[in-house]
Amino acid sequence: MGMRFSIELSDRDLDFFREALKKSRDAVRHADESEIIEAIGDILAEIKKEGPLPDFVARRIPRLESLIRMLQDDEWALPTDERERLLAMFVYFGDPEDILPDYIPVIGYLDDVIMIELVVRELRHVREAYDDFCDFRDNYDKQFKTGHDPAVRRDRIDRKRQTLHQRMKRRRKSSGKRGSIS
C-alpha cells in the first residue's frame, strides 16, 4: 500500500526554483543544443539502467522523452524562447550536484521533479499545440499515403505550425507572465 505525501510550494519557494533554472538557462544560451540533447538522452538511459527508480521519478521519464522529441522535431520548429526553457531544464536535470544531489537515495531527484513540473506547467500551451500539430501531421500523412506532392505537404504543415505557434503566443499572453521563467 502506497502513501501519499504532498507539499505545497509557495510563490517564494517556486521563485527559488525559477532562479536556479534561470542560471541553467544562461548557461545554455550559447551551448550546443545537440550536445545537451545527446547528454540528457545518455543520462535518461543510465537512470533507467540503475535499477528501480522512485515512482514519482519514473512517471516523469516518458514526459522528458516526449519533450526531447518535440525539440528534435524539425517540422515543429519550436521557437527559441521555449527551446531555451527546455534545454535549461535538461541541463538542470542532468546536473548530479543540483539543489538536492541525485545520489541521495529516494529524494535525490525530488528537486528535478519539481523543476520538470514547473517547466511543463509553464509550457502547457506549447505541449497542447505540439500535440495538435502531431495529430494534424499524422492524419494528413494517413490521408495522403502515396503520390502526394511533397511541396503541398510542406506548405500545409508549415501553415498549421504557424497557426499553432500564434495560438501558443496568444494563450501565453492571456494566461499572463506571472511566474514564467524569463
Protein backbone atom coordinates (compact mmCIF):
# COMPACT_ATOMS: atom_id res chain seq x y z
CA MET A 1 0.00 0.00 0.00
CA GLY A 2 1.43 3.35 -1.08
CA MET A 3 1.47 6.52 0.92
CA ARG A 4 0.51 9.89 -0.46
CA PHE A 5 2.78 12.74 0.51
CA SER A 6 2.10 16.20 -0.81
CA ILE A 7 3.71 19.55 -0.28
CA GLU A 8 2.58 22.95 -1.33
CA LEU A 9 5.21 25.23 -2.72
CA SER A 10 4.60 28.93 -2.18
CA ASP A 11 5.40 31.54 -4.79
CA ARG A 12 8.58 32.25 -2.82
CA ASP A 13 9.51 28.54 -2.95
CA LEU A 14 8.86 28.44 -6.69
CA ASP A 15 10.93 31.58 -7.16
CA PHE A 16 13.87 29.66 -5.67
CA PHE A 17 13.49 27.02 -8.38
CA ARG A 18 12.94 29.64 -11.07
CA GLU A 19 16.18 31.31 -10.09
CA ALA A 20 18.05 28.00 -10.35
CA LEU A 21 16.50 27.45 -13.77
CA LYS A 22 17.49 30.96 -14.89
CA LYS A 23 21.09 30.09 -14.08
CA SER A 24 20.79 26.95 -16.19
CA ARG A 25 19.15 28.96 -18.95
CA ASP A 26 22.01 31.45 -19.01
CA ALA A 27 24.38 28.51 -19.39
CA VAL A 28 22.50 27.08 -22.41
CA ARG A 29 22.16 30.28 -24.41
CA HIS A 30 25.50 29.66 -26.09
CA ALA A 31 25.75 25.90 -25.61
CA ASP A 32 25.50 23.38 -28.40
CA GLU A 33 21.89 22.18 -28.39
CA SER A 34 22.64 18.78 -29.92
CA GLU A 35 25.22 18.07 -27.20
CA ILE A 36 22.68 18.89 -24.48
CA ILE A 37 20.06 16.66 -26.08
CA GLU A 38 22.55 13.82 -26.53
CA ALA A 39 23.73 14.18 -22.92
CA ILE A 40 20.20 14.12 -21.50
CA GLY A 41 19.43 11.05 -23.60
CA ASP A 42 22.50 9.34 -22.15
CA ILE A 43 21.53 10.38 -18.62
CA LEU A 44 17.99 9.04 -19.05
CA ALA A 45 19.36 5.73 -20.38
CA GLU A 46 21.72 5.48 -17.40
CA ILE A 47 18.98 6.33 -14.91
CA LYS A 48 16.76 3.62 -16.37
CA LYS A 49 19.56 1.04 -16.10
CA GLU A 50 20.43 1.88 -12.49
CA GLY A 51 17.52 -0.04 -11.13
CA PRO A 52 14.16 0.76 -9.78
CA LEU A 53 13.51 4.47 -9.69
CA PRO A 54 11.15 6.04 -7.23
CA ASP A 55 7.75 6.05 -8.93
CA PHE A 56 7.49 9.84 -8.72
CA VAL A 57 10.60 9.97 -10.93
CA ALA A 58 9.76 7.04 -13.22
CA ARG A 59 6.40 8.60 -14.12
CA ARG A 60 8.17 11.67 -15.49
CA ILE A 61 10.68 9.90 -17.72
CA PRO A 62 8.20 9.46 -20.62
CA ARG A 63 7.35 13.16 -20.33
CA LEU A 64 11.02 14.08 -20.62
CA GLU A 65 11.41 11.80 -23.63
CA SER A 66 8.38 13.45 -25.22
CA LEU A 67 9.91 16.90 -24.66
CA ILE A 68 13.14 15.72 -26.28
CA ARG A 69 11.19 14.54 -29.33
CA MET A 70 9.47 17.93 -29.53
CA LEU A 71 12.87 19.68 -29.51
CA GLN A 72 14.18 17.40 -32.24
CA ASP A 73 11.12 17.71 -34.48
CA ASP A 74 12.34 19.88 -37.37
CA GLU A 75 8.84 20.30 -38.80
CA TRP A 76 7.61 21.72 -35.48
CA ALA A 77 10.45 24.26 -35.24
CA LEU A 78 9.96 25.14 -31.58
CA PRO A 79 10.57 28.87 -31.02
CA THR A 80 13.87 29.90 -29.40
CA ASP A 81 12.41 31.05 -26.09
CA GLU A 82 10.69 27.72 -25.45
CA ARG A 83 13.74 25.79 -26.71
CA GLU A 84 15.91 27.58 -24.17
CA ARG A 85 13.49 26.77 -21.34
CA LEU A 86 13.51 23.08 -22.18
CA LEU A 87 17.26 22.96 -22.65
CA ALA A 88 17.76 24.73 -19.31
CA MET A 89 15.52 22.16 -17.62
CA PHE A 90 17.56 19.36 -19.22
CA VAL A 91 20.82 20.95 -18.05
CA TYR A 92 19.40 21.23 -14.54
CA PHE A 93 18.10 17.66 -14.59
CA GLY A 94 21.45 16.38 -15.86
CA ASP A 95 23.43 18.09 -13.10
CA PRO A 96 24.01 15.48 -10.38
CA GLU A 97 25.06 18.21 -7.94
CA ASP A 98 21.97 20.42 -8.20
CA ILE A 99 19.93 21.61 -5.21
CA LEU A 100 19.48 18.04 -3.94
CA PRO A 101 22.35 15.83 -5.14
CA ASP A 102 20.97 12.99 -7.23
CA TYR A 103 22.92 10.32 -5.39
CA ILE A 104 20.81 10.76 -2.23
CA PRO A 105 18.53 7.70 -2.21
CA VAL A 106 14.84 8.32 -2.95
CA ILE A 107 14.85 12.11 -2.57
CA GLY A 108 17.84 13.00 -4.77
CA TYR A 109 15.58 13.61 -7.75
CA LEU A 110 12.87 15.49 -5.86
CA ASP A 111 14.18 18.91 -6.93
CA ASP A 112 14.49 17.65 -10.52
CA VAL A 113 10.85 16.53 -10.47
CA ILE A 114 9.77 19.92 -9.13
CA MET A 115 11.73 21.60 -11.93
CA ILE A 116 10.16 19.33 -14.55
CA GLU A 117 6.66 20.06 -13.26
CA LEU A 118 7.36 23.80 -13.15
CA VAL A 119 8.55 23.93 -16.75
CA VAL A 120 5.87 21.55 -18.03
CA ARG A 121 3.18 23.68 -16.38
CA GLU A 122 4.58 26.88 -17.84
CA LEU A 123 4.83 25.32 -21.31
CA ARG A 124 1.40 23.68 -21.27
CA HIS A 125 0.24 25.77 -24.26
CA VAL A 126 3.32 24.63 -26.19
CA ARG A 127 2.67 20.97 -25.36
CA GLU A 128 -1.00 21.28 -26.34
CA ALA A 129 -0.09 22.95 -29.63
CA TYR A 130 2.55 20.33 -30.36
CA ASP A 131 0.09 17.51 -29.68
CA ASP A 132 -2.37 19.17 -32.09
CA PHE A 133 0.41 19.57 -34.66
CA CYS A 134 1.38 15.89 -34.42
CA ASP A 135 -2.27 14.86 -34.77
CA PHE A 136 -2.67 17.07 -37.84
CA ARG A 137 0.53 15.77 -39.42
CA ASP A 138 -0.30 12.12 -38.67
CA ASN A 139 -3.82 12.49 -40.08
CA TYR A 140 -2.50 14.31 -43.15
CA ASP A 141 0.08 11.61 -43.79
CA LYS A 142 -2.53 8.85 -43.35
CA GLN A 143 -4.90 10.60 -45.74
CA PHE A 144 -2.25 11.08 -48.44
CA LYS A 145 -0.08 7.96 -48.11
CA THR A 146 1.37 7.94 -51.60
CA GLY A 147 1.59 10.08 -54.68
CA HIS A 148 1.05 13.40 -52.92
CA ASP A 149 3.19 16.38 -53.87
CA PRO A 150 5.81 16.94 -51.10
CA ALA A 151 5.70 20.71 -51.67
CA VAL A 152 1.96 20.76 -50.96
CA ARG A 153 2.50 18.69 -47.82
CA ARG A 154 5.28 21.01 -46.64
CA ASP A 155 3.09 24.07 -47.28
CA ARG A 156 0.13 22.66 -45.35
CA ILE A 157 2.33 21.50 -42.47
CA ASP A 158 4.02 24.93 -42.36
CA ARG A 159 0.67 26.76 -42.29
CA LYS A 160 -0.62 24.54 -39.48
CA ARG A 161 2.59 25.06 -37.49
CA GLN A 162 2.38 28.84 -37.92
CA THR A 163 -1.25 28.85 -36.79
CA LEU A 164 -0.41 26.78 -33.72
CA HIS A 165 2.62 28.93 -32.86
CA GLN A 166 0.36 32.01 -32.98
CA ARG A 167 -2.14 30.23 -30.75
CA MET A 168 0.65 29.42 -28.26
CA LYS A 169 1.60 33.09 -28.06
CA ARG A 170 -1.99 34.25 -27.61
CA ARG A 171 -2.66 31.72 -24.86
CA ARG A 172 0.60 32.50 -23.09
CA LYS A 173 -0.29 36.21 -23.15
CA SER A 174 -3.83 35.63 -21.92
CA SER A 175 -2.67 33.38 -19.09
CA GLY A 176 -0.20 36.08 -18.02
CA LYS A 177 3.51 36.10 -17.46
CA ARG A 178 3.28 35.60 -13.66
CA GLY A 179 5.77 33.05 -12.61
CA SER A 180 7.20 32.46 -16.03
CA ILE A 181 10.87 31.78 -16.43
CA SER A 182 12.46 34.60 -18.36
